[in-house]
Amino acid sequence: MHQFDAETADLLRAIVDFAGVRLGFDPVPLDGSATPAELSARAGRTITVDGIGGRQALETFDEVLSRACISADHPRNLAFIPAAPTRSSVLFDLVVGASSIYGGSWMEGAGAVHVENETLRWLADLAGLPAAAGGVFVPGGTVGNLSALVAAREAVRARLTAQGRSMPARWRFVCGAEAHSSLYQAAMVLDADIVAVPTGEQGRLTGPLLAAALDDLARQGGTAGQGGAAEHDGVFAVVATAGTTQFGIVDDLRGIVDVCRERGLWVHADGAYGLAALAAPSVRPLFDGIADVDSFIVDPHKWLFAPFDACALIYRDPVLARAAHGPQRAGYLDVLDSAANWNPSDYAIGLSRRARGLPLWFSLATHGTRAYTEAIETTLATTRAAAAQIATRPELELVRPTELSVVVFRRLGWSDADYHRWSGALLREEFAFVPPTRHDGETVARFAVINPRTTPADIEAILDTMA
């Protein structure tokens, strides 16, 4: 089954044809979902002793399985944070898979790592980080946040050890109440406590709110007024959110950084969704302070038009990250020269990795960075148009002003059931995917606009269904 024979050549043609048809759809089909029983009946048993053959497996995927998956790149898919990869990035993802590149070490993947690092440098430059900054592409924001927090805690441990000081009984990190759920997973894996600071109606963690929360922790721990109080209280990092998933709110990065610098705390920015907007001049001022964080993440598979799954994790001082994460120790790994070469596996959790930054690199190299700025600005313009349309409709009301590319609004007079019936009907008709969300106990509607192919006319057509 490893040889390239006539049957493999036939399958190659079939798969290239399939990929070409899918890439050529304009727009792509929205499709839908299915129950386990429905899929079992339609697909039948696909894994057998002798195999069903590549053609049959491809046909089953095409006719049954793929049609039970909602297309993330449909222009009227406004759910969660969808995806809108460029055709070039998807095409190059095929190349990455076909090339069997191991992206964990320079020795085995030097060419791939080189251009991944060039891509990371572009992101670091957007943020204004120093020339020494660097990092790695990891599978997603959860792994990115966790890896950054591991580095932050290890940096504090090393400092305390060097100073001959004891470790706290419990470690903890601080974030705003609107921070992403992945941080709670990170706290569980780290066996650390998470302190979520209430942010009120604004949903924004600010410098004063953070300072008050840290002072309160110090009072609780009896370290108020003492030098290094944050470390005594077990606080090793503060996570600022640069674009919340629910509303697209950007925390007070400048205020948070200033508070943390006064107290010697690591600042990590979770910009999985929002930091792509660093490329958009119209909203760049929202991110004042990002140049001074210790680490940040941004997911190219969200608003930077790359395929799933890729998260860029960047450190101000990669030396601290390498001290926390690697090199991994094993006799067979001794040949990897970490002192002279950049081994991506030294900067995050995990050893084995595909070169997942390559599709983004190829798209950037193909189209240029100006095209990315224009595409993001297009989505922001569509978001503003959506908010304006909602403001003119008496039956609709914005829940809060838009900040990035998320619009949350209510249909006056609707119950929870009304929203769900409406959303379900849109999907059944394969017209749009707009599931409702919950805010302060209320069911409301939400648009996440990250596809440049989404137009104000698409928004208008969806809003018309709520009349």
Protein backbone atom coordinates (compact mmCIF):
# COMPACT_ATOMS: atom_id res chain seq x y z
CA MET A 1 0.00 0.00 0.00
CA HIS A 2 3.07 2.29 0.03
CA GLN A 3 3.96 1.92 -3.64
CA PHE A 4 2.90 4.35 -6.33
CA ASP A 5 1.12 2.11 -8.83
CA ALA A 6 -1.61 2.53 -11.41
CA GLU A 7 -4.30 2.40 -8.76
CA THR A 8 -2.56 5.15 -6.77
CA ALA A 9 -2.22 7.25 -9.91
CA ASP A 10 -5.94 6.88 -10.56
CA LEU A 11 -6.70 7.88 -6.98
CA LEU A 12 -4.39 10.89 -7.33
CA ARG A 13 -6.37 12.14 -10.30
CA ALA A 14 -9.65 11.60 -8.48
CA ILE A 15 -8.52 13.47 -5.36
CA VAL A 16 -7.04 16.36 -7.34
CA ASP A 17 -10.29 16.58 -9.28
CA PHE A 18 -12.29 16.57 -6.04
CA ALA A 19 -10.08 19.29 -4.51
CA GLY A 20 -10.36 21.34 -7.68
CA VAL A 21 -14.14 21.17 -7.67
CA ARG A 22 -14.31 22.11 -3.98
CA LEU A 23 -11.94 25.03 -4.44
CA GLY A 24 -13.90 26.19 -7.47
CA PHE A 25 -17.24 26.48 -5.68
CA ASP A 26 -18.38 30.11 -5.51
CA PRO A 27 -19.97 30.25 -3.07
CA VAL A 28 -19.23 26.97 -1.36
CA PRO A 29 -22.22 24.87 -0.28
CA LEU A 30 -23.18 25.48 3.34
CA ASP A 31 -24.32 21.86 3.87
CA GLY A 32 -25.46 20.84 7.36
CA SER A 33 -25.22 18.20 10.06
CA ALA A 34 -26.66 14.71 10.63
CA THR A 35 -27.38 12.32 13.48
CA PRO A 36 -25.14 9.33 14.24
CA ALA A 37 -27.90 6.99 13.09
CA GLU A 38 -28.31 8.85 9.80
CA LEU A 39 -24.59 8.74 9.08
CA SER A 40 -24.30 5.07 9.96
CA ALA A 41 -27.13 4.28 7.58
CA ARG A 42 -25.82 6.43 4.75
CA ALA A 43 -22.11 5.67 4.97
CA GLY A 44 -22.23 2.05 6.04
CA ARG A 45 -19.09 0.35 7.31
CA THR A 46 -16.04 1.96 5.78
CA ILE A 47 -13.19 0.24 7.65
CA THR A 48 -13.04 -3.42 6.68
CA VAL A 49 -10.48 -6.22 6.59
CA ASP A 50 -9.76 -5.86 2.87
CA GLY A 51 -10.59 -2.17 2.44
CA ILE A 52 -13.23 -0.62 0.21
CA GLY A 53 -10.77 1.01 -2.18
CA GLY A 54 -9.77 4.63 -2.54
CA ARG A 55 -12.41 5.49 -5.11
CA GLN A 56 -15.22 4.13 -2.94
CA ALA A 57 -13.84 5.84 0.18
CA LEU A 58 -13.61 9.15 -1.69
CA GLU A 59 -17.12 8.76 -3.04
CA THR A 60 -18.43 8.07 0.47
CA PHE A 61 -16.71 11.19 1.74
CA ASP A 62 -17.97 13.29 -1.16
CA GLU A 63 -21.57 12.08 -1.23
CA VAL A 64 -22.19 11.45 2.48
CA LEU A 65 -19.59 12.57 5.00
CA SER A 66 -18.59 15.98 3.66
CA ARG A 67 -22.23 16.95 3.27
CA ALA A 68 -22.74 16.36 6.98
CA CYS A 69 -20.13 19.02 7.77
CA ILE A 70 -21.03 22.71 7.84
CA SER A 71 -18.66 24.67 5.62
CA ALA A 72 -16.68 27.09 7.78
CA ASP A 73 -15.77 29.17 4.72
CA HIS A 74 -19.31 29.90 3.55
CA PRO A 75 -19.85 33.70 3.43
CA ARG A 76 -23.06 33.39 5.48
CA ASN A 77 -21.43 31.20 8.12
CA LEU A 78 -21.28 33.76 10.91
CA ALA A 79 -21.11 31.29 13.80
CA PHE A 80 -18.53 31.08 16.59
CA ILE A 81 -15.34 32.26 14.83
CA PRO A 82 -15.49 30.59 11.40
CA ALA A 83 -12.71 30.36 8.79
CA ALA A 84 -12.02 31.81 5.36
CA PRO A 85 -8.77 30.34 4.04
CA THR A 86 -7.40 31.70 0.79
CA ARG A 87 -7.37 29.31 -2.15
CA SER A 88 -3.59 29.54 -2.21
CA SER A 89 -3.25 28.53 1.45
CA VAL A 90 -5.54 25.52 0.95
CA LEU A 91 -3.64 24.45 -2.16
CA PHE A 92 -0.36 24.66 -0.28
CA ASP A 93 -1.83 22.64 2.57
CA LEU A 94 -2.05 19.81 0.02
CA VAL A 95 1.65 20.34 -0.71
CA VAL A 96 2.53 20.27 3.00
CA GLY A 97 0.68 17.00 3.47
CA ALA A 98 2.25 15.46 0.38
CA SER A 99 5.76 16.56 1.39
CA SER A 100 5.92 14.64 4.69
CA ILE A 101 7.88 17.40 6.42
CA TYR A 102 8.69 16.99 10.09
CA GLY A 103 8.57 20.49 11.51
CA GLY A 104 9.89 19.92 15.01
CA SER A 105 13.60 20.41 14.35
CA TRP A 106 15.86 22.50 12.16
CA MET A 107 17.86 19.42 11.15
CA GLU A 108 14.84 17.76 9.54
CA GLY A 109 12.84 20.74 8.37
CA ALA A 110 15.22 23.68 7.98
CA GLY A 111 13.55 25.11 4.88
CA ALA A 112 10.09 24.92 6.40
CA VAL A 113 11.22 26.31 9.75
CA HIS A 114 13.01 29.18 8.00
CA VAL A 115 9.84 30.49 6.34
CA GLU A 116 7.69 29.74 9.37
CA ASN A 117 10.04 32.00 11.31
CA GLU A 118 9.76 34.65 8.60
CA THR A 119 5.98 34.49 9.01
CA LEU A 120 6.26 34.74 12.80
CA ARG A 121 8.57 37.74 12.31
CA TRP A 122 5.87 39.49 10.28
CA LEU A 123 3.42 38.98 13.14
CA ALA A 124 5.97 40.11 15.74
CA ASP A 125 6.64 43.23 13.69
CA LEU A 126 2.92 44.00 13.49
CA ALA A 127 2.87 43.92 17.28
CA GLY A 128 6.09 45.93 17.61
CA LEU A 129 8.06 43.26 19.46
CA PRO A 130 11.88 43.46 19.44
CA ALA A 131 14.10 41.74 16.89
CA ALA A 132 14.89 38.89 19.28
CA ALA A 133 11.24 37.84 19.55
CA GLY A 134 10.23 34.49 18.13
CA GLY A 135 8.12 31.44 18.65
CA VAL A 136 6.36 28.56 17.00
CA PHE A 137 3.15 27.51 15.29
CA VAL A 138 1.07 25.16 17.47
CA PRO A 139 -2.26 23.41 16.79
CA GLY A 140 -4.57 26.04 18.28
CA GLY A 141 -5.17 28.70 20.89
CA THR A 142 -5.59 26.22 23.73
CA VAL A 143 -2.09 24.80 23.24
CA GLY A 144 -0.72 28.28 22.59
CA ASN A 145 -2.11 29.73 25.81
CA LEU A 146 -1.03 26.70 27.82
CA SER A 147 2.50 26.78 26.43
CA ALA A 148 2.86 30.50 27.16
CA LEU A 149 1.66 30.02 30.72
CA VAL A 150 4.09 27.13 31.24
CA ALA A 151 6.90 29.46 30.15
CA ALA A 152 5.63 32.23 32.42
CA ARG A 153 5.51 30.00 35.48
CA GLU A 154 8.92 28.53 34.78
CA ALA A 155 10.40 32.01 34.50
CA VAL A 156 9.06 32.89 37.95
CA ARG A 157 10.29 29.59 39.39
CA ALA A 158 13.77 30.24 38.03
CA ARG A 159 13.79 33.75 39.48
CA LEU A 160 12.67 32.60 42.91
CA THR A 161 15.23 29.80 42.90
CA ALA A 162 18.02 32.20 41.93
CA GLN A 163 16.98 34.48 44.79
CA GLY A 164 16.88 31.60 47.26
CA ARG A 165 13.17 32.13 47.91
CA SER A 166 10.51 29.52 48.49
CA MET A 167 7.77 28.58 46.06
CA PRO A 168 4.14 29.50 46.79
CA ALA A 169 1.79 26.81 48.06
CA ARG A 170 -0.42 27.33 44.98
CA TRP A 171 0.25 28.95 41.63
CA ARG A 172 -2.34 31.13 39.97
CA PHE A 173 -2.81 33.50 37.06
CA VAL A 174 -5.21 36.37 36.53
CA CYS A 175 -7.49 37.21 33.61
CA GLY A 176 -10.72 39.07 32.93
CA ALA A 177 -14.12 37.49 33.37
CA GLU A 178 -14.65 37.49 29.58
CA ALA A 179 -11.46 35.52 28.91
CA HIS A 180 -11.62 32.42 26.74
CA SER A 181 -12.60 29.04 28.15
CA SER A 182 -9.26 27.57 27.08
CA LEU A 183 -7.67 29.36 30.03
CA TYR A 184 -9.75 27.28 32.41
CA GLN A 185 -8.46 24.16 30.67
CA ALA A 186 -4.92 25.51 31.00
CA ALA A 187 -5.44 26.07 34.73
CA MET A 188 -6.59 22.49 35.14
CA VAL A 189 -3.62 21.06 33.25
CA LEU A 190 -1.19 23.31 35.15
CA ASP A 191 -2.87 22.44 38.46
CA ALA A 192 -3.05 26.17 39.06
CA ASP A 193 -5.83 28.48 40.15
CA ILE A 194 -7.39 30.98 37.78
CA VAL A 195 -8.51 34.35 39.13
CA ALA A 196 -11.17 35.85 36.86
CA VAL A 197 -11.58 39.56 37.57
CA PRO A 198 -15.16 40.87 37.20
CA THR A 199 -15.27 43.40 34.38
CA GLY A 200 -18.84 44.70 34.67
CA GLU A 201 -20.97 45.75 31.73
CA GLN A 202 -17.98 46.83 29.68
CA GLY A 203 -16.52 43.32 29.71
CA ARG A 204 -13.03 44.80 29.59
CA LEU A 205 -10.19 44.11 31.97
CA THR A 206 -8.49 47.43 32.73
CA GLY A 207 -5.34 48.44 34.55
CA PRO A 208 -7.23 49.80 37.58
CA LEU A 209 -9.41 46.68 37.83
CA LEU A 210 -6.32 44.48 37.65
CA ALA A 211 -4.43 46.52 40.24
CA ALA A 212 -7.37 46.34 42.63
CA ALA A 213 -7.65 42.57 42.16
CA LEU A 214 -3.93 42.05 42.78
CA ASP A 215 -4.07 44.24 45.89
CA ASP A 216 -7.01 42.19 47.14
CA LEU A 217 -5.08 38.96 46.60
CA ALA A 218 -2.16 40.45 48.52
CA ARG A 219 -4.42 41.38 51.44
CA GLN A 220 -5.87 37.90 51.50
CA GLY A 221 -2.38 36.44 51.55
CA GLY A 222 -1.05 38.88 54.12
CA THR A 223 1.59 40.26 51.76
CA ALA A 224 0.16 43.73 51.13
CA GLY A 225 2.93 46.29 50.88
CA GLN A 226 5.70 43.68 50.63
CA GLY A 227 8.16 43.57 47.75
CA GLY A 228 7.46 40.73 45.37
CA ALA A 229 3.98 40.36 46.84
CA ALA A 230 2.54 38.96 43.63
CA GLU A 231 5.01 36.09 43.72
CA HIS A 232 4.21 35.41 47.37
CA ASP A 233 0.54 35.24 46.40
CA GLY A 234 1.37 32.67 43.74
CA VAL A 235 0.44 34.94 40.83
CA PHE A 236 2.83 34.20 37.98
CA ALA A 237 1.06 35.81 35.01
CA VAL A 238 -1.77 37.99 33.80
CA VAL A 239 -3.63 37.09 30.62
CA ALA A 240 -5.09 39.99 28.65
CA THR A 241 -7.66 39.22 25.97
CA ALA A 242 -7.11 40.98 22.66
CA GLY A 243 -10.53 40.35 21.16
CA THR A 244 -13.01 38.30 23.16
CA THR A 245 -14.87 35.60 21.28
CA GLN A 246 -18.30 36.68 22.47
CA PHE A 247 -18.09 40.41 21.68
CA GLY A 248 -14.67 41.14 20.18
CA ILE A 249 -13.69 43.28 23.18
CA VAL A 250 -10.03 44.26 23.53
CA ASP A 251 -8.76 44.56 27.09
CA ASP A 252 -6.86 47.62 28.28
CA LEU A 253 -3.49 46.30 27.14
CA ARG A 254 -1.58 49.45 28.03
CA GLY A 255 -3.02 49.64 31.53
CA ILE A 256 -2.50 45.92 32.15
CA VAL A 257 1.11 46.03 30.97
CA ASP A 258 1.87 49.04 33.17
CA VAL A 259 0.45 47.35 36.27
CA CYS A 260 2.34 44.14 35.54
CA ARG A 261 5.63 45.91 34.95
CA GLU A 262 5.34 47.59 38.35
CA ARG A 263 4.83 44.18 39.97
CA GLY A 264 7.17 42.01 37.92
CA LEU A 265 4.44 39.92 36.33
CA TRP A 266 4.46 38.19 32.94
CA VAL A 267 1.80 39.53 30.56
CA HIS A 268 0.36 37.16 27.97
CA ALA A 269 -2.10 38.39 25.34
CA ASP A 270 -4.67 35.92 24.09
CA GLY A 271 -5.33 37.32 20.64
CA ALA A 272 -6.40 34.04 19.04
CA TYR A 273 -9.17 35.85 17.19
CA GLY A 274 -8.56 39.56 17.56
CA LEU A 275 -4.84 40.16 17.05
CA ALA A 276 -5.17 39.56 13.32
CA ALA A 277 -6.58 43.09 13.31
CA LEU A 278 -3.09 44.44 14.00
CA ALA A 279 -2.88 44.44 10.22
CA ALA A 280 -5.84 46.85 9.97
CA PRO A 281 -4.97 50.54 10.51
CA SER A 282 -8.59 51.45 11.32
CA VAL A 283 -8.52 49.50 14.60
CA ARG A 284 -4.79 49.42 15.36
CA PRO A 285 -5.15 51.94 18.25
CA LEU A 286 -7.24 49.38 20.17
CA PHE A 287 -4.07 47.37 20.71
CA ASP A 288 -1.92 50.02 22.34
CA GLY A 289 0.41 48.19 24.70
CA ILE A 290 0.76 44.99 22.68
CA ALA A 291 4.39 45.89 21.92
CA ASP A 292 5.22 45.44 25.60
CA VAL A 293 3.66 42.03 26.35
CA ASP A 294 5.84 39.01 27.13
CA SER A 295 3.96 36.66 24.82
CA PHE A 296 0.92 36.53 22.60
CA ILE A 297 -1.02 34.18 20.37
CA VAL A 298 -3.01 34.68 17.19
CA ASP A 299 -4.75 31.91 15.22
CA PRO A 300 -4.21 32.25 11.45
CA HIS A 301 -7.05 29.79 10.87
CA LYS A 302 -9.43 32.41 12.19
CA TRP A 303 -8.96 35.91 10.74
CA LEU A 304 -5.71 35.47 8.83
CA PHE A 305 -7.21 33.26 6.14
CA ALA A 306 -5.27 30.02 6.71
CA PRO A 307 -6.65 26.47 6.92
CA PHE A 308 -7.24 24.68 10.20
CA ASP A 309 -5.31 24.31 12.44
CA ALA A 310 -2.65 26.87 13.24
CA CYS A 311 -1.86 29.14 16.18
CA ALA A 312 1.13 31.47 16.17
CA LEU A 313 2.73 31.69 19.62
CA ILE A 314 5.32 34.45 19.95
CA TYR A 315 7.57 35.33 22.90
CA ARG A 316 9.32 38.62 23.59
CA ASP A 317 12.27 36.61 24.97
CA PRO A 318 12.33 33.11 23.45
CA VAL A 319 15.21 32.16 25.74
CA LEU A 320 12.75 31.98 28.62
CA ALA A 321 10.40 29.81 26.58
CA ARG A 322 13.19 27.43 25.62
CA ALA A 323 14.22 27.11 29.26
CA ALA A 324 10.69 25.95 30.04
CA HIS A 325 9.96 23.66 27.09
CA GLY A 326 13.08 22.06 25.81
CA PRO A 327 15.15 20.52 24.54
CA GLN A 328 13.50 17.20 25.33
CA ARG A 329 15.99 14.66 26.65
CA ALA A 330 16.61 11.33 24.95
CA GLY A 331 19.71 9.68 23.52
CA TYR A 332 18.35 9.69 20.00
CA LEU A 333 17.62 13.43 20.23
CA ASP A 334 21.17 14.44 21.17
CA VAL A 335 22.02 15.03 17.51
CA LEU A 336 19.61 17.97 17.39
CA ASP A 337 21.78 21.05 17.87
CA SER A 338 19.55 23.36 19.87
CA ALA A 339 22.35 25.75 20.68
CA ALA A 340 23.00 26.73 17.06
CA ASN A 341 19.64 26.06 15.40
CA TRP A 342 16.01 27.01 15.97
CA ASN A 343 14.09 23.85 16.86
CA PRO A 344 10.36 24.70 17.04
CA SER A 345 9.69 21.89 19.51
CA ASP A 346 11.81 23.76 22.07
CA TYR A 347 9.26 26.57 22.38
CA ALA A 348 5.93 24.90 23.14
CA ILE A 349 4.35 21.74 24.44
CA GLY A 350 4.93 18.85 22.08
CA LEU A 351 7.72 17.28 20.07
CA SER A 352 6.10 15.95 16.90
CA ARG A 353 4.63 18.66 14.72
CA ARG A 354 3.67 19.30 11.12
CA ALA A 355 4.91 22.50 9.55
CA ARG A 356 1.51 24.10 10.08
CA GLY A 357 2.71 27.63 9.45
CA LEU A 358 3.51 26.92 5.79
CA PRO A 359 0.03 27.51 4.32
CA LEU A 360 -0.05 30.99 5.86
CA TRP A 361 3.48 31.68 4.65
CA PHE A 362 2.60 30.60 1.10
CA SER A 363 -0.49 32.78 1.01
CA LEU A 364 1.43 35.79 2.36
CA ALA A 365 4.23 35.20 -0.14
CA THR A 366 1.71 34.82 -2.96
CA HIS A 367 -0.55 37.77 -2.26
CA GLY A 368 1.55 40.16 -0.16
CA THR A 369 0.73 41.71 3.18
CA ARG A 370 -1.24 44.60 1.68
CA ALA A 371 -3.87 42.13 0.51
CA TYR A 372 -4.26 40.96 4.10
CA THR A 373 -4.77 44.49 5.32
CA GLU A 374 -7.38 45.10 2.65
CA ALA A 375 -9.20 41.83 3.38
CA ILE A 376 -9.40 42.49 7.13
CA GLU A 377 -10.53 46.06 6.55
CA THR A 378 -13.25 44.68 4.26
CA THR A 379 -14.60 42.49 7.05
CA LEU A 380 -14.51 45.43 9.45
CA ALA A 381 -16.45 47.56 6.96
CA THR A 382 -19.06 44.82 6.61
CA THR A 383 -19.32 44.62 10.41
CA ARG A 384 -19.93 48.36 10.65
CA ALA A 385 -22.54 48.08 7.91
CA ALA A 386 -24.24 45.29 9.87
CA ALA A 387 -24.39 47.43 12.99
CA ALA A 388 -25.78 50.32 10.98
CA GLN A 389 -28.46 48.12 9.44
CA ILE A 390 -29.49 46.83 12.85
CA ALA A 391 -29.77 50.40 14.14
CA THR A 392 -32.29 51.25 11.41
CA ARG A 393 -34.60 48.32 12.11
CA PRO A 394 -37.08 49.00 14.93
CA GLU A 395 -37.42 45.30 15.76
CA LEU A 396 -33.67 44.93 16.36
CA GLU A 397 -31.30 46.34 18.97
CA LEU A 398 -27.54 46.12 19.45
CA VAL A 399 -26.52 44.57 22.76
CA ARG A 400 -23.33 46.64 22.77
CA PRO A 401 -21.33 48.67 20.24
CA THR A 402 -19.06 46.68 17.94
CA GLU A 403 -15.30 46.86 18.46
CA LEU A 404 -13.80 44.40 16.01
CA SER A 405 -15.84 42.13 13.72
CA VAL A 406 -18.43 40.66 16.08
CA VAL A 407 -21.99 41.99 16.25
CA VAL A 408 -24.32 40.90 19.06
CA PHE A 409 -27.94 42.02 18.89
CA ARG A 410 -31.44 41.10 20.02
CA ARG A 411 -34.73 40.68 18.22
CA LEU A 412 -37.17 42.51 20.44
CA GLY A 413 -40.04 40.34 21.59
CA TRP A 414 -38.36 37.04 20.82
CA SER A 415 -38.05 34.16 23.30
CA ASP A 416 -35.23 31.61 23.49
CA ALA A 417 -37.31 29.25 21.38
CA ASP A 418 -37.82 31.90 18.69
CA TYR A 419 -34.08 32.37 18.23
CA HIS A 420 -33.46 28.64 17.99
CA ARG A 421 -36.31 28.07 15.53
CA TRP A 422 -35.02 30.91 13.37
CA SER A 423 -31.44 29.65 13.43
CA GLY A 424 -32.48 26.07 12.72
CA ALA A 425 -34.60 27.13 9.75
CA LEU A 426 -31.70 29.08 8.22
CA LEU A 427 -29.44 26.04 8.43
CA ARG A 428 -32.03 23.57 7.16
CA GLU A 429 -32.50 25.78 4.12
CA GLU A 430 -28.71 25.95 3.75
CA PHE A 431 -29.02 29.71 3.67
CA ALA A 432 -26.94 30.74 6.68
CA PHE A 433 -25.40 29.40 9.88
CA VAL A 434 -26.12 31.85 12.70
CA PRO A 435 -26.61 30.03 16.00
CA PRO A 436 -27.71 32.23 18.92
CA THR A 437 -25.59 32.92 21.96
CA ARG A 438 -26.25 33.68 25.63
CA HIS A 439 -25.40 36.93 27.40
CA ASP A 440 -26.32 37.68 31.01
CA GLY A 441 -28.94 34.92 30.90
CA GLU A 442 -30.54 36.24 27.70
CA THR A 443 -30.56 34.49 24.34
CA VAL A 444 -29.44 36.87 21.59
CA ALA A 445 -28.17 36.75 18.01
CA ARG A 446 -24.52 37.07 17.03
CA PHE A 447 -22.57 37.61 13.81
CA ALA A 448 -18.83 36.91 13.56
CA VAL A 449 -17.62 38.43 10.30
CA ILE A 450 -14.17 37.18 9.29
CA ASN A 451 -14.81 36.26 5.64
CA PRO A 452 -14.06 39.02 3.11
CA ARG A 453 -16.66 37.41 0.83
CA THR A 454 -19.39 38.26 3.35
CA THR A 455 -21.15 41.37 2.09
CA PRO A 456 -23.60 43.90 3.54
CA ALA A 457 -26.16 42.32 1.19
CA ASP A 458 -25.63 38.96 2.94
CA ILE A 459 -26.25 40.65 6.27
CA GLU A 460 -29.37 42.36 4.98
CA ALA A 461 -30.76 39.09 3.64
CA ILE A 462 -30.26 37.39 7.00
CA LEU A 463 -31.79 40.29 8.95
CA ASP A 464 -34.81 40.24 6.64
CA THR A 465 -35.62 36.75 7.94
CA MET A 466 -36.07 38.20 11.45
CA ALA A 467 -38.76 40.68 10.48
